[in-house]
Structures are given as C-alpha cells and as structure tokens.
Protein backbone atom coordinates (compact mmCIF):
# COMPACT_ATOMS: atom_id res chain seq x y z
CA MET A 1 25.89 61.69 139.40
CA THR A 2 29.49 60.50 139.48
CA GLN A 3 31.35 60.75 136.18
CA GLN A 4 32.33 57.38 134.77
CA THR A 5 35.79 56.55 133.53
CA GLN A 6 35.94 56.86 129.75
CA PRO A 7 35.46 53.43 128.11
CA THR A 8 38.72 52.11 126.75
CA GLN A 9 39.01 51.61 122.99
CA GLN A 10 39.66 47.94 122.33
CA VAL A 11 41.89 48.35 119.27
CA HIS A 12 44.19 51.35 118.84
CA ASN A 13 45.20 53.00 115.61
CA THR A 14 48.83 53.92 114.99
CA LEU A 15 48.25 57.52 113.98
CA ALA A 16 51.13 59.82 114.82
CA THR A 17 51.07 63.44 115.92
CA SER A 18 50.39 66.12 113.33
CA GLU A 19 54.14 66.85 113.03
CA ALA A 20 54.31 63.95 110.55
CA PHE A 21 51.59 65.33 108.28
CA PRO A 22 50.59 65.92 105.59
CA ILE A 23 51.92 63.00 103.58
CA THR A 24 51.61 62.82 99.79
CA LEU A 25 49.80 59.67 98.68
CA PRO A 26 52.26 57.77 96.47
CA GLY A 27 51.32 57.79 92.80
CA THR A 28 49.37 61.07 92.94
CA ARG A 29 52.13 63.70 92.83
CA ASP A 30 51.05 66.40 95.29
CA GLN A 31 47.35 66.26 94.50
CA VAL A 32 46.48 64.04 97.48
CA GLN A 33 47.76 65.22 100.86
CA MET A 34 47.00 62.98 103.83
CA TRP A 35 46.73 63.57 107.58
CA ALA A 36 47.02 59.80 107.98
CA HIS A 37 49.64 57.19 107.12
CA PRO A 38 48.80 55.31 103.91
CA HIS A 39 49.73 52.02 105.59
CA ASP A 40 46.93 52.62 108.12
CA VAL A 41 44.32 52.95 105.35
CA GLU A 42 42.69 50.00 103.60
CA ALA A 43 43.82 49.40 100.02
CA ALA A 44 40.35 49.94 98.57
CA ALA A 45 40.13 53.40 100.15
CA LEU A 46 43.57 54.34 98.78
CA GLN A 47 42.42 53.28 95.31
CA GLN A 48 39.30 55.42 95.72
CA LEU A 49 41.53 58.39 96.49
CA ARG A 50 43.74 57.74 93.46
CA ASN A 51 40.65 57.47 91.26
CA ILE A 52 39.32 60.78 92.56
CA ALA A 53 42.67 62.50 92.06
CA SER A 54 42.83 61.33 88.44
CA LEU A 55 39.72 63.27 87.44
CA PRO A 56 40.61 66.18 85.14
CA TRP A 57 38.51 68.64 87.14
CA VAL A 58 40.21 67.94 90.47
CA VAL A 59 42.47 70.67 91.83
CA GLY A 60 43.43 68.71 94.94
CA VAL A 61 42.31 66.16 97.53
CA ARG A 62 42.92 66.36 101.25
CA VAL A 63 42.52 63.30 103.46
CA MET A 64 41.57 63.52 107.12
CA PRO A 65 42.80 61.11 109.86
CA ASP A 66 39.37 59.43 110.12
CA VAL A 67 39.63 58.25 106.50
CA HIS A 68 38.02 54.97 105.44
CA LEU A 69 36.32 53.35 102.46
CA GLY A 70 33.02 54.95 101.52
CA LYS A 71 30.24 54.59 98.99
CA GLY A 72 30.93 56.79 95.98
CA ALA A 73 33.96 58.47 97.51
CA THR A 74 36.25 58.04 100.49
CA VAL A 75 34.88 59.09 103.87
CA GLY A 76 37.21 61.67 105.39
CA SER A 77 38.09 63.28 102.06
CA VAL A 78 38.01 66.92 100.98
CA ILE A 79 37.82 67.31 97.21
CA ALA A 80 38.44 70.66 95.50
CA MET A 81 37.17 70.75 91.91
CA SER A 82 37.18 73.46 89.28
CA GLN A 83 33.88 73.93 87.47
CA ALA A 84 32.58 70.48 88.48
CA VAL A 85 31.08 68.50 91.33
CA ALA A 86 30.51 64.75 91.80
CA PRO A 87 27.16 64.04 93.50
CA ALA A 88 28.32 60.62 94.74
CA ALA A 89 31.27 62.30 96.46
CA VAL A 90 28.81 64.31 98.55
CA GLY A 91 26.96 61.10 99.34
CA VAL A 92 23.32 60.23 99.95
CA ASP A 93 22.95 61.99 103.31
CA ILE A 94 23.34 65.51 101.98
CA GLY A 95 24.11 68.00 104.73
CA CYS A 96 24.66 65.39 107.43
CA GLY A 97 26.30 67.00 110.42
CA MET A 98 26.40 67.83 114.11
CA ALA A 99 24.83 70.18 116.62
CA ALA A 100 25.71 70.77 120.27
CA VAL A 101 24.61 73.10 123.07
CA LYS A 102 26.17 73.64 126.49
CA THR A 103 23.75 73.78 129.40
CA THR A 104 23.92 75.32 132.86
CA LEU A 105 23.52 71.86 134.38
CA ARG A 106 26.41 70.34 136.28
CA LEU A 107 27.37 66.70 136.57
CA GLU A 108 26.25 66.64 140.18
CA ASP A 109 22.75 67.74 139.06
CA LEU A 110 22.18 64.51 137.15
CA PRO A 111 20.51 61.49 138.77
CA ASP A 112 22.36 58.20 138.91
CA ASP A 113 19.68 56.60 136.72
CA LEU A 114 19.43 58.31 133.31
CA HIS A 115 17.11 55.74 131.76
CA PRO A 116 13.94 57.82 132.35
CA LEU A 117 15.54 60.77 130.55
CA ARG A 118 16.59 58.56 127.62
CA SER A 119 13.06 57.19 127.34
CA GLN A 120 11.61 60.70 127.31
CA ILE A 121 13.99 61.77 124.51
CA GLU A 122 13.14 58.65 122.50
CA ARG A 123 9.43 59.46 122.81
CA ALA A 124 9.96 63.04 121.64
CA VAL A 125 12.28 62.34 118.70
CA PRO A 126 11.43 59.63 116.14
CA VAL A 127 14.36 57.34 115.30
CA GLY A 128 15.15 54.95 112.45
CA PHE A 129 12.89 55.39 109.41
CA ALA A 130 10.13 56.99 111.46
CA GLY A 131 8.86 60.54 111.38
CA HIS A 132 6.33 62.56 113.36
CA GLN A 133 2.69 61.56 112.83
CA ARG A 134 1.87 65.24 112.40
CA PRO A 135 4.45 67.63 110.88
CA LEU A 136 6.01 70.03 113.36
CA ASP A 137 5.68 73.80 113.11
CA GLY A 138 9.29 74.85 112.63
CA ALA A 139 8.55 78.54 113.00
CA ALA A 140 6.81 77.99 116.34
CA LEU A 141 9.63 75.80 117.65
CA VAL A 142 12.73 77.68 116.50
CA GLY A 143 11.55 80.83 114.72
CA GLY A 144 12.93 81.96 111.37
CA GLU A 145 11.52 81.96 107.85
CA TRP A 146 9.85 78.73 106.73
CA ARG A 147 7.27 79.57 104.07
CA GLY A 148 9.87 80.30 101.39
CA PHE A 149 11.80 77.18 102.33
CA TRP A 150 8.80 74.89 101.84
CA ASP A 151 7.71 76.77 98.71
CA GLY A 152 11.05 75.72 97.26
CA PHE A 153 9.99 72.08 97.44
CA ASP A 154 7.94 72.47 94.26
CA GLU A 155 11.12 73.34 92.33
CA LEU A 156 12.99 70.17 93.36
CA ASP A 157 13.64 67.21 91.08
CA ARG A 158 10.47 65.49 89.91
CA ALA A 159 11.72 62.25 91.51
CA VAL A 160 10.61 63.63 94.89
CA ALA A 161 7.39 65.31 93.78
CA ASP A 162 5.27 63.00 95.96
CA GLN A 163 7.55 63.17 99.02
CA GLU A 164 6.68 66.53 100.58
CA LYS A 165 4.39 65.08 103.26
CA LYS A 166 7.07 62.60 104.34
CA ALA A 167 9.76 65.30 104.29
CA ARG A 168 7.61 67.45 106.57
CA GLN A 169 6.96 64.52 108.91
CA GLN A 170 10.66 63.62 109.12
CA LEU A 171 11.70 67.16 110.03
CA GLY A 172 12.94 66.87 113.62
CA SER A 173 13.73 63.15 113.45
CA LEU A 174 17.01 61.31 114.02
CA GLY A 175 17.36 58.48 111.49
CA GLY A 176 19.51 55.41 112.11
CA GLY A 177 23.03 54.07 111.59
CA ASN A 178 25.61 56.28 113.26
CA HIS A 179 23.14 59.08 114.01
CA PHE A 180 22.71 59.81 117.70
CA ILE A 181 21.56 62.13 120.47
CA GLU A 182 23.84 62.36 123.49
CA VAL A 183 24.01 63.95 126.90
CA CYS A 184 27.67 64.54 127.78
CA ALA A 185 29.86 66.09 130.46
CA ASP A 186 32.98 68.11 129.74
CA ASP A 187 36.12 67.90 131.86
CA ASP A 188 34.87 70.79 134.03
CA GLY A 189 31.63 68.96 134.82
CA ALA A 190 29.36 71.06 132.59
CA ILE A 191 26.58 69.17 130.78
CA TRP A 192 26.17 69.33 126.99
CA VAL A 193 23.55 68.01 124.57
CA MET A 194 24.84 66.84 121.20
CA LEU A 195 23.22 65.26 118.15
CA HIS A 196 24.15 63.91 114.74
CA SER A 197 21.74 63.74 111.79
CA GLY A 198 21.20 64.90 108.22
CA SER A 199 18.65 65.41 105.47
CA ARG A 200 16.76 62.18 106.15
CA GLY A 201 14.86 60.43 103.35
CA ILE A 202 14.41 63.47 101.14
CA GLY A 203 18.16 64.08 100.90
CA ASN A 204 18.75 60.44 100.03
CA LEU A 205 16.18 60.48 97.22
CA LEU A 206 17.54 63.71 95.74
CA ALA A 207 21.09 62.37 95.83
CA GLN A 208 20.12 59.08 94.19
CA ALA A 209 18.26 60.86 91.39
CA HIS A 210 21.19 63.12 90.55
CA MET A 211 23.80 60.37 90.85
CA ALA A 212 21.85 58.29 88.33
CA ARG A 213 21.54 61.27 85.97
CA ALA A 214 25.26 62.11 86.18
CA ALA A 215 26.19 58.54 85.24
CA THR A 216 24.41 58.93 81.88
CA LEU A 217 26.31 62.02 80.71
CA PRO A 218 28.78 61.50 77.82
CA HIS A 219 31.73 63.26 79.50
CA ASN A 220 31.60 60.63 82.26
CA ALA A 221 31.89 57.63 79.92
CA ASP A 222 35.56 56.80 80.55
CA LEU A 223 35.91 57.45 84.27
CA PRO A 224 37.90 54.99 86.43
CA ASP A 225 34.85 54.66 88.69
CA ARG A 226 31.30 55.35 87.52
CA ASP A 227 30.48 56.58 91.03
CA LEU A 228 32.68 59.60 90.30
CA ALA A 229 30.46 60.96 87.54
CA VAL A 230 30.35 64.76 87.65
CA PHE A 231 28.15 67.63 86.64
CA LEU A 232 29.89 70.49 84.81
CA ALA A 233 29.41 74.20 85.44
CA GLY A 234 27.14 76.01 83.04
CA THR A 235 24.98 72.98 82.25
CA PRO A 236 21.29 72.47 83.10
CA GLU A 237 22.23 69.37 85.07
CA MET A 238 24.63 71.31 87.30
CA THR A 239 22.06 74.06 87.83
CA ALA A 240 19.44 71.51 88.87
CA TYR A 241 21.84 69.68 91.17
CA ARG A 242 23.02 72.85 92.92
CA ARG A 243 19.40 73.88 93.51
CA ASP A 244 18.51 70.53 95.10
CA LEU A 245 21.84 70.19 96.92
CA PHE A 246 21.60 73.54 98.68
CA TRP A 247 17.93 72.96 99.53
CA ALA A 248 18.79 69.59 101.10
CA GLN A 249 21.70 71.10 103.03
CA ASP A 250 19.29 73.70 104.40
CA TYR A 251 16.79 70.95 105.29
CA ALA A 252 19.51 69.08 107.19
CA LEU A 253 20.41 72.19 109.20
CA ARG A 254 16.76 72.87 109.97
CA ASN A 255 16.23 69.23 110.93
CA ARG A 256 19.02 69.40 113.52
CA THR A 257 17.80 72.76 114.81
CA VAL A 258 14.24 71.52 115.30
CA MET A 259 15.43 68.25 116.83
CA MET A 260 17.67 70.11 119.26
CA ALA A 261 14.68 72.24 120.29
CA LEU A 262 12.71 69.06 121.03
CA VAL A 263 15.55 67.62 123.12
CA GLN A 264 16.02 70.90 124.97
CA ARG A 265 12.35 70.92 125.86
CA VAL A 266 12.54 67.37 127.19
CA VAL A 267 15.65 68.10 129.25
CA SER A 268 14.20 71.34 130.62
CA GLU A 269 10.96 69.66 131.66
CA HIS A 270 12.77 66.65 133.13
CA PHE A 271 14.90 68.80 135.42
CA ALA A 272 12.11 71.28 136.17
CA ALA A 273 10.34 68.34 137.82
CA ARG A 274 13.44 68.02 140.00
CA GLY A 275 13.34 71.72 140.88
CA LEU A 276 16.14 72.78 138.50
CA GLU A 277 15.91 75.44 135.79
CA VAL A 278 18.12 74.67 132.78
CA GLY A 279 19.85 77.45 130.87
CA TRP A 280 21.11 76.97 127.30
CA GLY A 281 24.12 78.40 125.51
CA GLU A 282 24.58 79.15 121.83
CA SER A 283 24.24 76.21 119.45
CA ILE A 284 27.29 74.93 117.56
CA GLN A 285 26.35 73.59 114.12
CA CYS A 286 28.49 72.02 111.40
CA HIS A 287 27.82 70.07 108.22
CA HIS A 288 30.22 67.27 107.34
CA ASN A 289 28.72 65.99 104.04
CA TYR A 290 28.32 69.02 101.82
CA VAL A 291 29.55 71.33 99.05
CA ALA A 292 30.75 74.91 99.46
CA GLU A 293 32.13 77.56 97.10
CA GLU A 294 35.58 78.59 98.37
CA THR A 295 38.78 80.21 97.10
CA TYR A 296 42.35 78.95 97.60
CA ASP A 297 45.47 80.48 96.07
CA GLY A 298 43.25 82.80 94.07
CA VAL A 299 41.36 79.91 92.46
CA ASP A 300 37.59 79.54 92.92
CA VAL A 301 36.73 75.91 93.61
CA LEU A 302 33.79 73.78 94.63
CA VAL A 303 34.88 72.00 97.81
CA THR A 304 33.16 68.73 98.65
CA ARG A 305 33.63 67.62 102.24
CA LYS A 306 32.60 63.97 102.60
CA GLY A 307 33.06 63.15 106.24
CA ALA A 308 34.96 66.35 107.01
CA ILE A 309 34.11 69.65 108.70
CA ARG A 310 35.15 73.17 107.82
CA ALA A 311 37.92 74.35 110.15
CA GLY A 312 38.44 77.95 109.09
CA SER A 313 40.16 80.25 111.56
CA GLY A 314 37.90 80.50 114.63
CA ASP A 315 35.25 78.11 113.29
CA LEU A 316 33.78 75.97 116.06
CA GLY A 317 33.33 72.33 115.13
CA LEU A 318 32.30 69.00 116.60
CA ILE A 319 34.25 65.75 116.24
CA PRO A 320 32.39 62.81 117.81
CA GLY A 321 33.89 59.46 118.63
CA SER A 322 31.72 56.37 118.78
CA MET A 323 28.87 55.11 120.90
CA GLY A 324 30.16 55.72 124.40
CA THR A 325 33.68 57.02 123.73
CA GLY A 326 33.00 60.75 123.91
CA SER A 327 33.54 63.69 121.56
CA TYR A 328 35.53 66.86 121.08
CA VAL A 329 34.51 70.47 120.60
CA VAL A 330 37.21 72.09 118.47
CA ARG A 331 38.15 75.46 116.99
CA GLY A 332 39.53 75.67 113.47
CA LEU A 333 43.02 77.05 112.84
CA GLY A 334 42.38 78.03 109.22
CA ASN A 335 45.07 75.79 107.73
CA GLU A 336 44.67 76.25 103.97
CA ALA A 337 46.91 73.24 103.32
CA SER A 338 43.88 71.12 104.31
CA TYR A 339 41.43 73.42 102.52
CA CYS A 340 40.53 74.65 106.02
CA SER A 341 39.14 71.23 106.96
CA ALA A 342 39.29 68.66 109.76
CA SER A 343 37.92 65.19 110.46
CA HIS A 344 34.22 64.64 111.13
CA GLY A 345 34.69 61.89 113.72
CA ALA A 346 36.82 58.95 114.71
CA GLY A 347 36.14 57.05 111.47
CA ARG A 348 35.35 53.37 111.11
CA ARG A 349 38.14 50.80 111.31
CA MET A 350 35.86 47.98 110.16
CA SER A 351 32.62 47.68 108.22
CA ARG A 352 29.24 47.19 109.84
CA ASN A 353 29.12 43.58 108.65
CA GLN A 354 32.57 42.90 110.07
CA ALA A 355 31.55 44.38 113.41
CA ARG A 356 28.39 42.27 113.57
CA LYS A 357 30.39 39.10 112.89
CA ARG A 358 33.16 39.91 115.35
CA PHE A 359 31.33 41.34 118.36
CA THR A 360 28.43 40.31 120.58
CA GLU A 361 25.88 42.07 122.75
CA ALA A 362 28.09 41.21 125.73
CA ASP A 363 31.02 42.99 124.06
CA LEU A 364 28.83 46.03 123.44
CA ALA A 365 27.66 46.09 127.06
CA ALA A 366 31.25 45.90 128.28
CA GLN A 367 32.48 48.67 125.97
CA THR A 368 29.60 51.00 126.85
CA ALA A 369 29.68 50.37 130.59
CA GLY A 370 28.54 53.44 132.47
CA VAL A 371 26.69 54.88 129.46
CA GLU A 372 22.88 54.90 129.42
CA CYS A 373 22.21 53.50 125.93
CA ARG A 374 20.92 50.58 123.91
CA LYS A 375 23.03 47.47 124.32
CA ASP A 376 21.14 45.09 121.99
CA ALA A 377 22.03 43.29 118.76
CA GLY A 378 20.50 46.06 116.66
CA VAL A 379 23.37 48.43 117.45
CA VAL A 380 26.32 46.03 117.76
CA ASP A 381 27.67 47.47 114.48
CA GLU A 382 28.11 50.77 116.34
CA ILE A 383 30.32 49.23 119.03
CA PRO A 384 33.26 51.48 120.02
CA ALA A 385 35.87 48.97 118.83
CA ALA A 386 34.52 49.27 115.28
CA TYR A 387 35.92 52.82 115.24
CA LYS A 388 39.40 54.29 115.31
CA ASP A 389 40.84 55.72 118.49
CA LEU A 390 39.41 59.24 118.79
CA ASP A 391 42.31 60.69 120.78
CA ALA A 392 44.76 59.52 118.11
CA VAL A 393 42.60 61.06 115.39
CA ILE A 394 42.56 64.39 117.24
CA GLY A 395 46.31 64.23 117.82
CA ALA A 396 46.95 63.74 114.11
CA GLN A 397 45.32 67.08 113.24
CA SER A 398 46.63 69.47 115.87
CA ASP A 399 47.72 71.76 113.02
CA LEU A 400 44.12 71.89 111.80
CA VAL A 401 42.13 72.42 115.02
CA GLU A 402 42.61 73.20 118.69
CA VAL A 403 40.61 71.47 121.39
CA VAL A 404 37.98 73.57 123.17
CA ALA A 405 36.39 70.81 125.24
CA ARG A 406 36.55 67.04 125.69
CA LEU A 407 33.11 65.52 126.23
CA THR A 408 32.37 62.23 127.99
CA THR A 409 29.20 60.40 126.95
CA LEU A 410 26.68 59.78 129.72
CA LEU A 411 23.55 59.00 127.69
CA CYS A 412 23.19 57.99 124.04
CA VAL A 413 20.06 57.58 121.90
CA LYS A 414 20.50 55.58 118.69
CA GLY A 415 18.16 54.80 115.82
C-alpha cells in the first residue's frame, strides 16, 4: 500500500509555539494558567474556567491547547482541588481514554483496499449503543483478575443495580461520538492499531447519579454554576463517589484492553490469510477523563483531568487528531507547571450541531480522502475541519511532551 498524503485541515488555529505559554487567564490571578491564547477560546469556555477557579477548594487550573466548551467543565482543563472533587468536571464518560499498539507490519504489507479489514473489525467490535450478545470472558482474552472486579459491582450506587448484564455485554465495545478504532502508519512505515473509548453506559449512569446527588448538598447552594457541585473529603458522599469513580475508571481500562485484544485477533487473522504473521508490541494506555491523587509543592491534591492526559516524566501518551488527520505518540516531560499534564487531542473548534449545519457528506469525503472510513451523514459532525489543527496543538505544548511518533490514519472505524 502507498501511504497517502495527510489530509489538509480546512481551518487553521492560531496557536503559537510553547515559548509563549503559559498565559494567566485575566481575572483569575495566577490560578488559571493556559497553554492557549484566551482570544482563541470561545467566551463561554473562558467563563467556565473563571467559574471553576472561583471555587474555594480549587488550588489551581491548567488549560491545555485543545481547550473548548464542555458539559459541566471545560474540555482540556486540569483542575487541582484540596479535599474536594466535582463529579461534573470528570464528566459522564469516566475513564475515557486511548490505547495503541505497534505491530510488526509495514506499510508495504497492507493491501490497497482496506475495506474488508474495516468490515471485519466492525463485525468483531460493537459500535454505537450496542454491546456483545453474550458477555466476553475477559480473563480468557487478556488474562488478569476479574472475579474481584465484577464482585465489586454489587457495591456500586443503587442507581445501577439492574445494569450488570448490560455492563458485561458492553465490555469490549466502542461506543459512538468521537470514539474510534484506527489502523495507522508512522513516518517510518510501521503499522499501529489505536482506539479511543471509555466506560460506556455504566460510567455514564454512575456519573449522572453522583452529579445529581452533589447538586443537592447544602455547601453547593451558592455556586456560580450548579454543574460545579462538589463532594467534600470525609463525607459519605465522597466515599461513595470515589468507590464508583475508581471502579468505572478500571472498567474503562479493561474495556479498551479487551477491545484491543479483539482488534488484534482480527488483524492477525486477516494477514495470516495473506501469509503474514503479525507481531505486537507493548500496549500504550492513557485515561483522559479521570481523577488521580497527586502531590505538587508538598500539597496533596485531587487532580481532575477532563480532556487531558498525564504527562509525567517518561510517561507515554496518545494525542489523536480527528477522523483522518492522524495522531501523535508522545512522552511526558514532567512539567509540574501544568500539573504534569498535556492535551488529550486536537479539540473541537465548533460544536457537533454547527458542523452538521456547515458541512456535507461531500465535504467529509473530500477531507477524508485516502482513509478507509465511513463518509455518510451520520459522522459529518466528526469531519476534520470541526477540530483544531493538531500540529499547532502539539507545537503549543513542546514544554509538556516530546513527540515519539507521528501517525497517519489509513483506516478508521466510528460508532
């Protein structure tokens, strides 16, 4: 297969190099430090950031170059709180993140027509709201301990008491929206498999239940935004949320691990039929919607990364672009000024509704030329031009991560 020229982004962002960053968001003292220019960020997102920074429990907020308006809290934000956490800041797809594996395949090993491979992946991995008809055996597929994990389901919030069967069926499924499975080539011609997914329906239900509960607590009565309601350390509500949060983050990681195993099996069988044995490297995994306990300047904080990855020194991470524009494998530089964080992707430059109104199926086909993927009205909202320029986003955070590999998308499965 001949590598295609990378599709050109239709609208470019004006992000500068990282030498200009961070910038303090006006009106927030030094609490909000940005790796983006405020004039490049929509006003509603800037107000979200100011609202977050005004919370008495917030130690600091760091803003990544893929920043944009989000539900509950700003996508591309890193929020360090003392003795508190806001469930809406984590979001409804708890533990959403990325996985990638490098193969021994080379670009020249791939056929010119990748449609049969895409069809085989789509048959193996349910997309959209679907799950597997029969739950998969995680232990058989990927090994590890599973009995204790599923036993923990009985301790989750009563709002999901009747959802265990569905949660088991959705393990190893993709979901919809911006979730994807891709086959990519790096600049040296090596083939990678990459995917993006989270905690599926069970994570959403747990998040919704806790967000509703937080909104009823008296200490949240006078917040600038009810979506920023928090749980406080030492309370039964915080204990219950942490239990469900960490379980859902584990589910999301297991979901990606099982899904990757399914895709690896498909790819291996597809190329075995062509007389090629596929070898697989170590998996790279990273959450980008999650909470972690970390320490900065001697202060223990709960760090919420909503649309951001951890970029501690040596940490490998994945920063995808959009449907057809490629991705980056990066290594963290451990910059504590950003709470050891980096962007989780290119970031949207327009909403899904705006993209549907502005672009057509013909536009999508043109912008994903050379990529084996859906090109129908159902995914027009994922068109590359709806996202910021990925190269500019990477350039704006060169003090946060270093590039390990640039990946070009060859095949993309969407929900």
